[in-house]
Amino acid sequence: MKLSIGNIPQTLKEEDLEKLFAEFGKIESVSIKRDKKTGTSLGYGSVEIADDSANKAIEALNGKEIEGKKIAVVSASTLTAGNDTDKSKEKSSQSKKVNPKSAGGGFTGVRKSGGGGRGK
């Protein structure tokens, strides 16, 4: 099961996170998201661990204080499930609006192609 970890201290490394979760079971992968340019931790990441061990890790580590910060540990599937439902609601709530000027195929006065903008 993939777990999402939030509010990770910037000084924490992947090895530290692996040691923290290793007491609950075999770790398949560990990653901390980092800024592409600076390599600085963005404060969140993920750990893949066996399903039975994952639930124990969530119960034990969610809210645990590390270097003065309380980490958040949740199942990644609960995060993605929440995002999917929000997107579907957003799509269903949007109605198609038709511009009366363009509905008949007439000139709208708006240039739709790219162009150089130099009067070409």
PDB file of N, CA and C in Angstrom:
ATOM      1  N   MET A   1       0.849  -1.170   0.000  1.00  0.00           N
ATOM      2  CA  MET A   1       0.000   0.000   0.000  1.00  0.00           C
ATOM      3  C   MET A   1       0.895   1.234   0.000  1.00  0.00           C
ATOM      4  N   LYS A   2       0.491   2.221  -0.754  1.00  0.00           N
ATOM      5  CA  LYS A   2       1.257   3.463  -0.816  1.00  0.00           C
ATOM      6  C   LYS A   2       0.692   4.430   0.216  1.00  0.00           C
ATOM      7  N   LEU A   3       1.583   4.963   1.031  1.00  0.00           N
ATOM      8  CA  LEU A   3       1.212   5.942   2.041  1.00  0.00           C
ATOM      9  C   LEU A   3       1.746   7.302   1.646  1.00  0.00           C
ATOM     10  N   SER A   4       0.959   8.321   1.884  1.00  0.00           N
ATOM     11  CA  SER A   4       1.415   9.701   1.660  1.00  0.00           C
ATOM     12  C   SER A   4       1.771  10.307   3.004  1.00  0.00           C
ATOM     13  N   ILE A   5       2.905  10.969   3.043  1.00  0.00           N
ATOM     14  CA  ILE A   5       3.379  11.582   4.280  1.00  0.00           C
ATOM     15  C   ILE A   5       3.516  13.074   4.030  1.00  0.00           C
ATOM     16  N   GLY A   6       2.913  13.856   4.913  1.00  0.00           N
ATOM     17  CA  GLY A   6       2.965  15.302   4.783  1.00  0.00           C
ATOM     18  C   GLY A   6       3.596  15.941   6.001  1.00  0.00           C
ATOM     19  N   ASN A   7       3.961  17.206   5.863  1.00  0.00           N
ATOM     20  CA  ASN A   7       4.569  17.996   6.926  1.00  0.00           C
ATOM     21  C   ASN A   7       5.906  17.408   7.387  1.00  0.00           C
ATOM     22  N   ILE A   8       6.666  16.905   6.428  1.00  0.00           N
ATOM     23  CA  ILE A   8       7.977  16.321   6.717  1.00  0.00           C
ATOM     24  C   ILE A   8       8.984  17.459   6.920  1.00  0.00           C
ATOM     25  N   PRO A   9       9.792  17.399   7.984  1.00  0.00           N
ATOM     26  CA  PRO A   9      10.831  18.422   8.166  1.00  0.00           C
ATOM     27  C   PRO A   9      11.799  18.415   6.977  1.00  0.00           C
ATOM     28  N   GLN A  10      12.275  19.580   6.576  1.00  0.00           N
ATOM     29  CA  GLN A  10      13.142  19.677   5.408  1.00  0.00           C
ATOM     30  C   GLN A  10      14.480  18.975   5.608  1.00  0.00           C
ATOM     31  N   THR A  11      14.901  18.783   6.838  1.00  0.00           N
ATOM     32  CA  THR A  11      16.184  18.145   7.095  1.00  0.00           C
ATOM     33  C   THR A  11      16.096  16.618   7.047  1.00  0.00           C
ATOM     34  N   LEU A  12      14.892  16.072   7.047  1.00  0.00           N
ATOM     35  CA  LEU A  12      14.702  14.619   7.036  1.00  0.00           C
ATOM     36  C   LEU A  12      15.064  14.057   5.660  1.00  0.00           C
ATOM     37  N   LYS A  13      15.797  12.948   5.639  1.00  0.00           N
ATOM     38  CA  LYS A  13      16.211  12.309   4.389  1.00  0.00           C
ATOM     39  C   LYS A  13      15.413  11.023   4.183  1.00  0.00           C
ATOM     40  N   GLU A  14      15.505  10.467   2.969  1.00  0.00           N
ATOM     41  CA  GLU A  14      14.807   9.233   2.652  1.00  0.00           C
ATOM     42  C   GLU A  14      15.201   8.103   3.604  1.00  0.00           C
ATOM     43  N   GLU A  15      16.486   8.032   3.949  1.00  0.00           N
ATOM     44  CA  GLU A  15      16.975   6.989   4.845  1.00  0.00           C
ATOM     45  C   GLU A  15      16.312   7.092   6.224  1.00  0.00           C
ATOM     46  N   ASP A  16      16.134   8.318   6.703  1.00  0.00           N
ATOM     47  CA  ASP A  16      15.488   8.538   8.000  1.00  0.00           C
ATOM     48  C   ASP A  16      14.026   8.095   7.957  1.00  0.00           C
ATOM     49  N   LEU A  17      13.361   8.417   6.863  1.00  0.00           N
ATOM     50  CA  LEU A  17      11.963   8.040   6.701  1.00  0.00           C
ATOM     51  C   LEU A  17      11.825   6.520   6.609  1.00  0.00           C
ATOM     52  N   GLU A  18      12.772   5.889   5.917  1.00  0.00           N
ATOM     53  CA  GLU A  18      12.762   4.436   5.796  1.00  0.00           C
ATOM     54  C   GLU A  18      12.943   3.776   7.163  1.00  0.00           C
ATOM     55  N   LYS A  19      13.867   4.282   7.975  1.00  0.00           N
ATOM     56  CA  LYS A  19      14.088   3.743   9.321  1.00  0.00           C
ATOM     57  C   LYS A  19      12.839   3.889  10.174  1.00  0.00           C
ATOM     58  N   LEU A  20      12.151   5.010  10.032  1.00  0.00           N
ATOM     59  CA  LEU A  20      10.948   5.282  10.808  1.00  0.00           C
ATOM     60  C   LEU A  20       9.846   4.266  10.501  1.00  0.00           C
ATOM     61  N   PHE A  21       9.673   3.928   9.230  1.00  0.00           N
ATOM     62  CA  PHE A  21       8.609   3.016   8.819  1.00  0.00           C
ATOM     63  C   PHE A  21       9.036   1.552   8.853  1.00  0.00           C
ATOM     64  N   ALA A  22      10.335   1.264   8.883  1.00  0.00           N
ATOM     65  CA  ALA A  22      10.840  -0.110   8.828  1.00  0.00           C
ATOM     66  C   ALA A  22      10.390  -0.953  10.017  1.00  0.00           C
ATOM     67  N   GLU A  23      10.134  -0.330  11.149  1.00  0.00           N
ATOM     68  CA  GLU A  23       9.717  -1.103  12.315  1.00  0.00           C
ATOM     69  C   GLU A  23       8.321  -1.714  12.141  1.00  0.00           C
ATOM     70  N   PHE A  24       7.568  -1.261  11.126  1.00  0.00           N
ATOM     71  CA  PHE A  24       6.218  -1.785  10.905  1.00  0.00           C
ATOM     72  C   PHE A  24       6.163  -2.855   9.828  1.00  0.00           C
ATOM     73  N   GLY A  25       7.199  -2.965   9.007  1.00  0.00           N
ATOM     74  CA  GLY A  25       7.207  -3.979   7.959  1.00  0.00           C
ATOM     75  C   GLY A  25       8.232  -3.658   6.885  1.00  0.00           C
ATOM     76  N   LYS A  26       8.253  -4.518   5.867  1.00  0.00           N
ATOM     77  CA  LYS A  26       9.218  -4.373   4.772  1.00  0.00           C
ATOM     78  C   LYS A  26       8.830  -3.186   3.890  1.00  0.00           C
ATOM     79  N   ILE A  27       9.786  -2.293   3.699  1.00  0.00           N
ATOM     80  CA  ILE A  27       9.586  -1.095   2.887  1.00  0.00           C
ATOM     81  C   ILE A  27       9.930  -1.418   1.432  1.00  0.00           C
ATOM     82  N   GLU A  28       9.006  -1.114   0.528  1.00  0.00           N
ATOM     83  CA  GLU A  28       9.250  -1.343  -0.895  1.00  0.00           C
ATOM     84  C   GLU A  28       9.896  -0.139  -1.557  1.00  0.00           C
ATOM     85  N   SER A  29       9.453   1.062  -1.185  1.00  0.00           N
ATOM     86  CA  SER A  29      10.072   2.278  -1.736  1.00  0.00           C
ATOM     87  C   SER A  29       9.793   3.467  -0.819  1.00  0.00           C
ATOM     88  N   VAL A  30      10.675   4.442  -0.893  1.00  0.00           N
ATOM     89  CA  VAL A  30      10.562   5.679  -0.115  1.00  0.00           C
ATOM     90  C   VAL A  30      10.954   6.836  -1.020  1.00  0.00           C
ATOM     91  N   SER A  31      10.162   7.909  -0.986  1.00  0.00           N
ATOM     92  CA  SER A  31      10.559   9.095  -1.741  1.00  0.00           C
ATOM     93  C   SER A  31      10.080  10.350  -1.024  1.00  0.00           C
ATOM     94  N   ILE A  32      10.909  11.366  -1.081  1.00  0.00           N
ATOM     95  CA  ILE A  32      10.555  12.687  -0.574  1.00  0.00           C
ATOM     96  C   ILE A  32      10.620  13.615  -1.780  1.00  0.00           C
ATOM     97  N   LYS A  33       9.546  14.330  -2.032  1.00  0.00           N
ATOM     98  CA  LYS A  33       9.503  15.237  -3.175  1.00  0.00           C
ATOM     99  C   LYS A  33      10.415  16.431  -2.906  1.00  0.00           C
ATOM    100  N   ARG A  34      11.180  16.780  -3.938  1.00  0.00           N
ATOM    101  CA  ARG A  34      12.161  17.853  -3.801  1.00  0.00           C
ATOM    102  C   ARG A  34      12.011  18.865  -4.930  1.00  0.00           C
ATOM    103  N   ASP A  35      12.425  20.092  -4.659  1.00  0.00           N
ATOM    104  CA  ASP A  35      12.440  21.140  -5.657  1.00  0.00           C
ATOM    105  C   ASP A  35      13.430  20.754  -6.748  1.00  0.00           C
ATOM    106  N   LYS A  36      13.039  20.901  -8.003  1.00  0.00           N
ATOM    107  CA  LYS A  36      13.892  20.479  -9.114  1.00  0.00           C
ATOM    108  C   LYS A  36      15.189  21.282  -9.214  1.00  0.00           C
ATOM    109  N   LYS A  37      15.115  22.555  -8.902  1.00  0.00           N
ATOM    110  CA  LYS A  37      16.304  23.401  -9.051  1.00  0.00           C
ATOM    111  C   LYS A  37      17.229  23.329  -7.844  1.00  0.00           C
ATOM    112  N   THR A  38      16.658  23.416  -6.647  1.00  0.00           N
ATOM    113  CA  THR A  38      17.497  23.512  -5.447  1.00  0.00           C
ATOM    114  C   THR A  38      17.716  22.183  -4.739  1.00  0.00           C
ATOM    115  N   GLY A  39      16.835  21.195  -4.985  1.00  0.00           N
ATOM    116  CA  GLY A  39      16.944  19.914  -4.294  1.00  0.00           C
ATOM    117  C   GLY A  39      16.410  19.958  -2.872  1.00  0.00           C
ATOM    118  N   THR A  40      15.822  21.077  -2.483  1.00  0.00           N
ATOM    119  CA  THR A  40      15.265  21.236  -1.141  1.00  0.00           C
ATOM    120  C   THR A  40      13.971  20.447  -1.016  1.00  0.00           C
ATOM    121  N   SER A  41      13.778  19.814   0.123  1.00  0.00           N
ATOM    122  CA  SER A  41      12.561  19.047   0.383  1.00  0.00           C
ATOM    123  C   SER A  41      11.339  19.955   0.306  1.00  0.00           C
ATOM    124  N   LEU A  42      10.268  19.442  -0.310  1.00  0.00           N
ATOM    125  CA  LEU A  42       9.017  20.183  -0.385  1.00  0.00           C
ATOM    126  C   LEU A  42       8.101  19.868   0.796  1.00  0.00           C
ATOM    127  N   GLY A  43       8.551  18.958   1.672  1.00  0.00           N
ATOM    128  CA  GLY A  43       7.805  18.680   2.895  1.00  0.00           C
ATOM    129  C   GLY A  43       6.770  17.582   2.785  1.00  0.00           C
ATOM    130  N   TYR A  44       6.787  16.826   1.683  1.00  0.00           N
ATOM    131  CA  TYR A  44       5.884  15.689   1.573  1.00  0.00           C
ATOM    132  C   TYR A  44       6.531  14.592   0.750  1.00  0.00           C
ATOM    133  N   GLY A  45       5.989  13.389   0.891  1.00  0.00           N
ATOM    134  CA  GLY A  45       6.559  12.264   0.164  1.00  0.00           C
ATOM    135  C   GLY A  45       5.670  11.050   0.257  1.00  0.00           C
ATOM    136  N   SER A  46       6.241   9.886  -0.028  1.00  0.00           N
ATOM    137  CA  SER A  46       5.458   8.655   0.010  1.00  0.00           C
ATOM    138  C   SER A  46       6.336   7.476   0.423  1.00  0.00           C
ATOM    139  N   VAL A  47       5.656   6.461   0.962  1.00  0.00           N
ATOM    140  CA  VAL A  47       6.295   5.211   1.361  1.00  0.00           C
ATOM    141  C   VAL A  47       5.396   4.079   0.891  1.00  0.00           C
ATOM    142  N   GLU A  48       5.984   3.046   0.277  1.00  0.00           N
ATOM    143  CA  GLU A  48       5.228   1.861  -0.088  1.00  0.00           C
ATOM    144  C   GLU A  48       5.594   0.758   0.879  1.00  0.00           C
ATOM    145  N   ILE A  49       4.559   0.145   1.468  1.00  0.00           N
ATOM    146  CA  ILE A  49       4.736  -0.869   2.501  1.00  0.00           C
ATOM    147  C   ILE A  49       3.589  -1.868   2.365  1.00  0.00           C
ATOM    148  N   ALA A  50       3.762  -3.088   2.884  1.00  0.00           N
ATOM    149  CA  ALA A  50       2.713  -4.104   2.816  1.00  0.00           C
ATOM    150  C   ALA A  50       1.428  -3.599   3.478  1.00  0.00           C
ATOM    151  N   ASP A  51       0.274  -4.044   2.948  1.00  0.00           N
ATOM    152  CA  ASP A  51      -1.024  -3.545   3.414  1.00  0.00           C
ATOM    153  C   ASP A  51      -1.243  -3.678   4.915  1.00  0.00           C
ATOM    154  N   ASP A  52      -0.969  -4.849   5.483  1.00  0.00           N
ATOM    155  CA  ASP A  52      -1.213  -5.045   6.918  1.00  0.00           C
ATOM    156  C   ASP A  52      -0.295  -4.153   7.762  1.00  0.00           C
ATOM    157  N   SER A  53       0.908  -3.951   7.298  1.00  0.00           N
ATOM    158  CA  SER A  53       1.858  -3.083   8.002  1.00  0.00           C
ATOM    159  C   SER A  53       1.495  -1.612   7.848  1.00  0.00           C
ATOM    160  N   ALA A  54       0.901  -1.278   6.719  1.00  0.00           N
ATOM    161  CA  ALA A  54       0.565   0.118   6.430  1.00  0.00           C
ATOM    162  C   ALA A  54      -0.447   0.651   7.431  1.00  0.00           C
ATOM    163  N   ASN A  55      -1.464  -0.126   7.729  1.00  0.00           N
ATOM    164  CA  ASN A  55      -2.480   0.337   8.678  1.00  0.00           C
ATOM    165  C   ASN A  55      -1.893   0.566  10.065  1.00  0.00           C
ATOM    166  N   LYS A  56      -0.977  -0.303  10.470  1.00  0.00           N
ATOM    167  CA  LYS A  56      -0.315  -0.134  11.772  1.00  0.00           C
ATOM    168  C   LYS A  56       0.538   1.135  11.760  1.00  0.00           C
ATOM    169  N   ALA A  57       1.222   1.373  10.653  1.00  0.00           N
ATOM    170  CA  ALA A  57       2.079   2.554  10.538  1.00  0.00           C
ATOM    171  C   ALA A  57       1.252   3.833  10.575  1.00  0.00           C
ATOM    172  N   ILE A  58       0.092   3.827   9.916  1.00  0.00           N
ATOM    173  CA  ILE A  58      -0.779   5.001   9.921  1.00  0.00           C
ATOM    174  C   ILE A  58      -1.212   5.322  11.343  1.00  0.00           C
ATOM    175  N   GLU A  59      -1.671   4.292  12.061  1.00  0.00           N
ATOM    176  CA  GLU A  59      -2.139   4.492  13.441  1.00  0.00           C
ATOM    177  C   GLU A  59      -1.027   5.009  14.355  1.00  0.00           C
ATOM    178  N   ALA A  60       0.166   4.459  14.192  1.00  0.00           N
ATOM    179  CA  ALA A  60       1.267   4.810  15.087  1.00  0.00           C
ATOM    180  C   ALA A  60       1.939   6.136  14.739  1.00  0.00           C
ATOM    181  N   LEU A  61       2.036   6.455  13.447  1.00  0.00           N
ATOM    182  CA  LEU A  61       2.855   7.600  13.050  1.00  0.00           C
ATOM    183  C   LEU A  61       2.074   8.864  12.676  1.00  0.00           C
ATOM    184  N   ASN A  62       0.792   8.740  12.393  1.00  0.00           N
ATOM    185  CA  ASN A  62       0.017   9.924  12.034  1.00  0.00           C
ATOM    186  C   ASN A  62      -0.054  10.859  13.241  1.00  0.00           C
ATOM    187  N   GLY A  63       0.479  12.053  13.087  1.00  0.00           N
ATOM    188  CA  GLY A  63       0.511  13.023  14.176  1.00  0.00           C
ATOM    189  C   GLY A  63       1.761  12.954  15.032  1.00  0.00           C
ATOM    190  N   LYS A  64       2.671  12.026  14.716  1.00  0.00           N
ATOM    191  CA  LYS A  64       3.922  11.912  15.489  1.00  0.00           C
ATOM    192  C   LYS A  64       4.791  13.136  15.230  1.00  0.00           C
ATOM    193  N   GLU A  65       5.393  13.648  16.288  1.00  0.00           N
ATOM    194  CA  GLU A  65       6.232  14.828  16.164  1.00  0.00           C
ATOM    195  C   GLU A  65       7.663  14.423  15.827  1.00  0.00           C
ATOM    196  N   ILE A  66       8.182  15.014  14.752  1.00  0.00           N
ATOM    197  CA  ILE A  66       9.563  14.783  14.325  1.00  0.00           C
ATOM    198  C   ILE A  66      10.188  16.149  14.097  1.00  0.00           C
ATOM    199  N   GLU A  67      11.252  16.426  14.824  1.00  0.00           N
ATOM    200  CA  GLU A  67      11.959  17.696  14.721  1.00  0.00           C
ATOM    201  C   GLU A  67      11.011  18.894  14.854  1.00  0.00           C
ATOM    202  N   GLY A  68      10.055  18.774  15.773  1.00  0.00           N
ATOM    203  CA  GLY A  68       9.137  19.872  16.043  1.00  0.00           C
ATOM    204  C   GLY A  68       7.944  19.981  15.107  1.00  0.00           C
ATOM    205  N   LYS A  69       7.812  19.039  14.162  1.00  0.00           N
ATOM    206  CA  LYS A  69       6.687  19.066  13.230  1.00  0.00           C
ATOM    207  C   LYS A  69       5.897  17.768  13.356  1.00  0.00           C
ATOM    208  N   LYS A  70       4.568  17.863  13.397  1.00  0.00           N
ATOM    209  CA  LYS A  70       3.720  16.672  13.436  1.00  0.00           C
ATOM    210  C   LYS A  70       3.460  16.214  12.011  1.00  0.00           C
ATOM    211  N   ILE A  71       3.964  15.015  11.696  1.00  0.00           N
ATOM    212  CA  ILE A  71       3.784  14.501  10.341  1.00  0.00           C
ATOM    213  C   ILE A  71       2.361  13.970  10.167  1.00  0.00           C
ATOM    214  N   ALA A  72       1.891  13.993   8.946  1.00  0.00           N
ATOM    215  CA  ALA A  72       0.579  13.443   8.595  1.00  0.00           C
ATOM    216  C   ALA A  72       0.821  12.214   7.731  1.00  0.00           C
ATOM    217  N   VAL A  73       0.240  11.081   8.139  1.00  0.00           N
ATOM    218  CA  VAL A  73       0.401   9.835   7.395  1.00  0.00           C
ATOM    219  C   VAL A  73      -0.983   9.311   7.042  1.00  0.00           C
ATOM    220  N   VAL A  74      -1.253   9.176   5.741  1.00  0.00           N
ATOM    221  CA  VAL A  74      -2.539   8.672   5.265  1.00  0.00           C
ATOM    222  C   VAL A  74      -2.314   7.754   4.072  1.00  0.00           C
ATOM    223  N   SER A  75      -3.315   6.955   3.774  1.00  0.00           N
ATOM    224  CA  SER A  75      -3.256   6.103   2.602  1.00  0.00           C
ATOM    225  C   SER A  75      -3.347   6.975   1.356  1.00  0.00           C
ATOM    226  N   ALA A  76      -2.481   6.729   0.391  1.00  0.00           N
ATOM    227  CA  ALA A  76      -2.479   7.529  -0.833  1.00  0.00           C
ATOM    228  C   ALA A  76      -3.788   7.364  -1.599  1.00  0.00           C
ATOM    229  N   SER A  77      -4.436   6.214  -1.473  1.00  0.00           N
ATOM    230  CA  SER A  77      -5.690   5.995  -2.194  1.00  0.00           C
ATOM    231  C   SER A  77      -6.798   6.899  -1.676  1.00  0.00           C
ATOM    232  N   THR A  78      -6.784   7.238  -0.389  1.00  0.00           N
ATOM    233  CA  THR A  78      -7.805   8.154   0.126  1.00  0.00           C
ATOM    234  C   THR A  78      -7.597   9.558  -0.409  1.00  0.00           C
ATOM    235  N   LEU A  79      -6.342   9.942  -0.631  1.00  0.00           N
ATOM    236  CA  LEU A  79      -6.072  11.265  -1.204  1.00  0.00           C
ATOM    237  C   LEU A  79      -6.512  11.333  -2.656  1.00  0.00           C
ATOM    238  N   THR A  80      -6.178  10.330  -3.442  1.00  0.00           N
ATOM    239  CA  THR A  80      -6.529  10.350  -4.859  1.00  0.00           C
ATOM    240  C   THR A  80      -8.022  10.171  -5.055  1.00  0.00           C
ATOM    241  N   ALA A  81      -8.673   9.412  -4.181  1.00  0.00           N
ATOM    242  CA  ALA A  81     -10.119   9.236  -4.288  1.00  0.00           C
ATOM    243  C   ALA A  81     -10.817  10.573  -4.071  1.00  0.00           C
ATOM    244  N   GLY A  82     -10.337  11.364  -3.130  1.00  0.00           N
ATOM    245  CA  GLY A  82     -10.916  12.673  -2.871  1.00  0.00           C
ATOM    246  C   GLY A  82     -10.732  13.617  -4.037  1.00  0.00           C
ATOM    247  N   ASN A  83      -9.586  13.559  -4.700  1.00  0.00           N
ATOM    248  CA  ASN A  83      -9.329  14.426  -5.845  1.00  0.00           C
ATOM    249  C   ASN A  83     -10.188  14.055  -7.036  1.00  0.00           C
ATOM    250  N   ASP A  84     -10.396  12.755  -7.268  1.00  0.00           N
ATOM    251  CA  ASP A  84     -11.193  12.311  -8.402  1.00  0.00           C
ATOM    252  C   ASP A  84     -12.634  12.779  -8.278  1.00  0.00           C
ATOM    253  N   THR A  85     -13.205  12.701  -7.077  1.00  0.00           N
ATOM    254  CA  THR A  85     -14.588  13.110  -6.913  1.00  0.00           C
ATOM    255  C   THR A  85     -14.733  14.611  -7.083  1.00  0.00           C
ATOM    256  N   ASP A  86     -13.745  15.373  -6.650  1.00  0.00           N
ATOM    257  CA  ASP A  86     -13.809  16.819  -6.823  1.00  0.00           C
ATOM    258  C   ASP A  86     -13.791  17.187  -8.304  1.00  0.00           C
ATOM    259  N   LYS A  87     -12.956  16.504  -9.080  1.00  0.00           N
ATOM    260  CA  LYS A  87     -12.861  16.799 -10.500  1.00  0.00           C
ATOM    261  C   LYS A  87     -14.153  16.451 -11.215  1.00  0.00           C
ATOM    262  N   SER A  88     -14.774  15.316 -10.854  1.00  0.00           N
ATOM    263  CA  SER A  88     -16.005  14.923 -11.518  1.00  0.00           C
ATOM    264  C   SER A  88     -17.128  15.890 -11.185  1.00  0.00           C
ATOM    265  N   LYS A  89     -17.160  16.407  -9.947  1.00  0.00           N
ATOM    266  CA  LYS A  89     -18.173  17.392  -9.575  1.00  0.00           C
ATOM    267  C   LYS A  89     -17.962  18.676 -10.358  1.00  0.00           C
ATOM    268  N   GLU A  90     -16.686  19.049 -10.504  1.00  0.00           N
ATOM    269  CA  GLU A  90     -16.363  20.275 -11.222  1.00  0.00           C
ATOM    270  C   GLU A  90     -16.811  20.179 -12.666  1.00  0.00           C
ATOM    271  N   LYS A  91     -16.572  19.054 -13.308  1.00  0.00           N
ATOM    272  CA  LYS A  91     -16.954  18.873 -14.698  1.00  0.00           C
ATOM    273  C   LYS A  91     -18.473  18.868 -14.854  1.00  0.00           C
ATOM    274  N   SER A  92     -19.169  18.190 -13.939  1.00  0.00           N
ATOM    275  CA  SER A  92     -20.616  18.083 -14.072  1.00  0.00           C
ATOM    276  C   SER A  92     -21.302  19.412 -13.774  1.00  0.00           C
ATOM    277  N   SER A  93     -20.691  20.262 -12.957  1.00  0.00           N
ATOM    278  CA  SER A  93     -21.316  21.533 -12.602  1.00  0.00           C
ATOM    279  C   SER A  93     -21.109  22.592 -13.678  1.00  0.00           C
ATOM    280  N   GLN A  94     -20.169  22.347 -14.580  1.00  0.00           N
ATOM    281  CA  GLN A  94     -19.932  23.314 -15.650  1.00  0.00           C
ATOM    282  C   GLN A  94     -20.927  23.067 -16.773  1.00  0.00           C
ATOM    283  N   SER A  95     -21.607  24.111 -17.175  1.00  0.00           N
ATOM    284  CA  SER A  95     -22.524  23.972 -18.297  1.00  0.00           C
ATOM    285  C   SER A  95     -21.884  24.614 -19.517  1.00  0.00           C
ATOM    286  N   LYS A  96     -22.269  24.120 -20.671  1.00  0.00           N
ATOM    287  CA  LYS A  96     -21.706  24.674 -21.898  1.00  0.00           C
ATOM    288  C   LYS A  96     -22.420  25.973 -22.214  1.00  0.00           C
ATOM    289  N   LYS A  97     -21.654  27.025 -22.355  1.00  0.00           N
ATOM    290  CA  LYS A  97     -22.215  28.326 -22.681  1.00  0.00           C
ATOM    291  C   LYS A  97     -21.887  28.631 -24.127  1.00  0.00           C
ATOM    292  N   VAL A  98     -22.871  29.083 -24.844  1.00  0.00           N
ATOM    293  CA  VAL A  98     -22.699  29.380 -26.256  1.00  0.00           C
ATOM    294  C   VAL A  98     -22.695  30.886 -26.436  1.00  0.00           C
ATOM    295  N   ASN A  99     -21.684  31.361 -27.133  1.00  0.00           N
ATOM    296  CA  ASN A  99     -21.602  32.781 -27.453  1.00  0.00           C
ATOM    297  C   ASN A  99     -22.583  33.056 -28.581  1.00  0.00           C
ATOM    298  N   PRO A 100     -23.576  33.933 -28.361  1.00  0.00           N
ATOM    299  CA  PRO A 100     -24.575  34.162 -29.405  1.00  0.00           C
ATOM    300  C   PRO A 100     -23.977  34.679 -30.710  1.00  0.00           C
ATOM    301  N   LYS A 101     -22.867  35.420 -30.624  1.00  0.00           N
ATOM    302  CA  LYS A 101     -22.257  35.947 -31.840  1.00  0.00           C
ATOM    303  C   LYS A 101     -21.619  34.843 -32.664  1.00  0.00           C
ATOM    304  N   SER A 102     -21.008  33.851 -31.969  1.00  0.00           N
ATOM    305  CA  SER A 102     -20.318  32.802 -32.706  1.00  0.00           C
ATOM    306  C   SER A 102     -21.219  31.618 -33.002  1.00  0.00           C
ATOM    307  N   ALA A 103     -22.406  31.567 -32.428  1.00  0.00           N
ATOM    308  CA  ALA A 103     -23.292  30.426 -32.629  1.00  0.00           C
ATOM    309  C   ALA A 103     -23.701  30.301 -34.089  1.00  0.00           C
ATOM    310  N   GLY A 104     -23.910  31.415 -34.768  1.00  0.00           N
ATOM    311  CA  GLY A 104     -24.316  31.366 -36.163  1.00  0.00           C
ATOM    312  C   GLY A 104     -23.138  31.329 -37.117  1.00  0.00           C
ATOM    313  N   GLY A 105     -21.942  31.292 -36.613  1.00  0.00           N
ATOM    314  CA  GLY A 105     -20.769  31.234 -37.465  1.00  0.00           C
ATOM    315  C   GLY A 105     -20.334  32.598 -37.959  1.00  0.00           C
ATOM    316  N   GLY A 106     -20.896  33.667 -37.412  1.00  0.00           N
ATOM    317  CA  GLY A 106     -20.550  35.018 -37.846  1.00  0.00           C
ATOM    318  C   GLY A 106     -19.230  35.491 -37.265  1.00  0.00           C
ATOM    319  N   PHE A 107     -18.810  36.646 -37.689  1.00  0.00           N
ATOM    320  CA  PHE A 107     -17.563  37.232 -37.217  1.00  0.00           C
ATOM    321  C   PHE A 107     -17.705  37.644 -35.758  1.00  0.00           C
ATOM    322  N   THR A 108     -16.747  37.252 -34.916  1.00  0.00           N
ATOM    323  CA  THR A 108     -16.814  37.582 -33.493  1.00  0.00           C
ATOM    324  C   THR A 108     -15.905  38.740 -33.139  1.00  0.00           C
ATOM    325  N   GLY A 109     -15.014  39.120 -34.031  1.00  0.00           N
ATOM    326  CA  GLY A 109     -14.116  40.219 -33.743  1.00  0.00           C
ATOM    327  C   GLY A 109     -12.913  39.807 -32.914  1.00  0.00           C
ATOM    328  N   VAL A 110     -12.746  38.512 -32.659  1.00  0.00           N
ATOM    329  CA  VAL A 110     -11.653  38.024 -31.862  1.00  0.00           C
ATOM    330  C   VAL A 110     -10.753  37.166 -32.735  1.00  0.00           C
ATOM    331  N   ARG A 111      -9.484  37.490 -32.761  1.00  0.00           N
ATOM    332  CA  ARG A 111      -8.531  36.716 -33.538  1.00  0.00           C
ATOM    333  C   ARG A 111      -8.252  35.418 -32.799  1.00  0.00           C
ATOM    334  N   LYS A 112      -8.480  34.291 -33.443  1.00  0.00           N
ATOM    335  CA  LYS A 112      -8.333  33.005 -32.771  1.00  0.00           C
ATOM    336  C   LYS A 112      -7.028  32.306 -33.105  1.00  0.00           C
ATOM    337  N   SER A 113      -6.334  32.726 -34.146  1.00  0.00           N
ATOM    338  CA  SER A 113      -5.073  32.062 -34.485  1.00  0.00           C
ATOM    339  C   SER A 113      -3.932  32.780 -33.806  1.00  0.00           C
ATOM    340  N   GLY A 114      -2.787  32.130 -33.771  1.00  0.00           N
ATOM    341  CA  GLY A 114      -1.608  32.711 -33.130  1.00  0.00           C
ATOM    342  C   GLY A 114      -1.125  33.948 -33.838  1.00  0.00           C
ATOM    343  N   GLY A 115      -0.117  33.855 -34.617  1.00  0.00           N
ATOM    344  CA  GLY A 115       0.379  35.005 -35.365  1.00  0.00           C
ATOM    345  C   GLY A 115       1.445  35.761 -34.610  1.00  0.00           C
ATOM    346  N   GLY A 116       2.153  36.560 -35.304  1.00  0.00           N
ATOM    347  CA  GLY A 116       3.256  37.298 -34.735  1.00  0.00           C
ATOM    348  C   GLY A 116       2.846  38.588 -34.052  1.00  0.00           C
ATOM    349  N   GLY A 117       1.642  39.087 -34.310  1.00  0.00           N
ATOM    350  CA  GLY A 117       1.198  40.305 -33.685  1.00  0.00           C
ATOM    351  C   GLY A 117       1.821  41.549 -34.287  1.00  0.00           C
ATOM    352  N   ARG A 118       2.336  41.431 -35.500  1.00  0.00           N
ATOM    353  CA  ARG A 118       2.996  42.583 -36.137  1.00  0.00           C
ATOM    354  C   ARG A 118       2.232  43.050 -37.372  1.00  0.00           C
ATOM    355  N   GLY A 119       0.949  42.784 -37.379  1.00  0.00           N
ATOM    356  CA  GLY A 119       0.130  43.264 -38.478  1.00  0.00           C
ATOM    357  C   GLY A 119       0.284  42.463 -39.750  1.00  0.00           C
ATOM    358  N   LYS A 120       0.645  41.235 -39.629  1.00  0.00           N
ATOM    359  CA  LYS A 120       0.843  40.393 -40.820  1.00  0.00           C
ATOM    360  C   LYS A 120      -0.477  39.932 -41.367  1.00  0.00           C
TER     361      LYS A 120
END
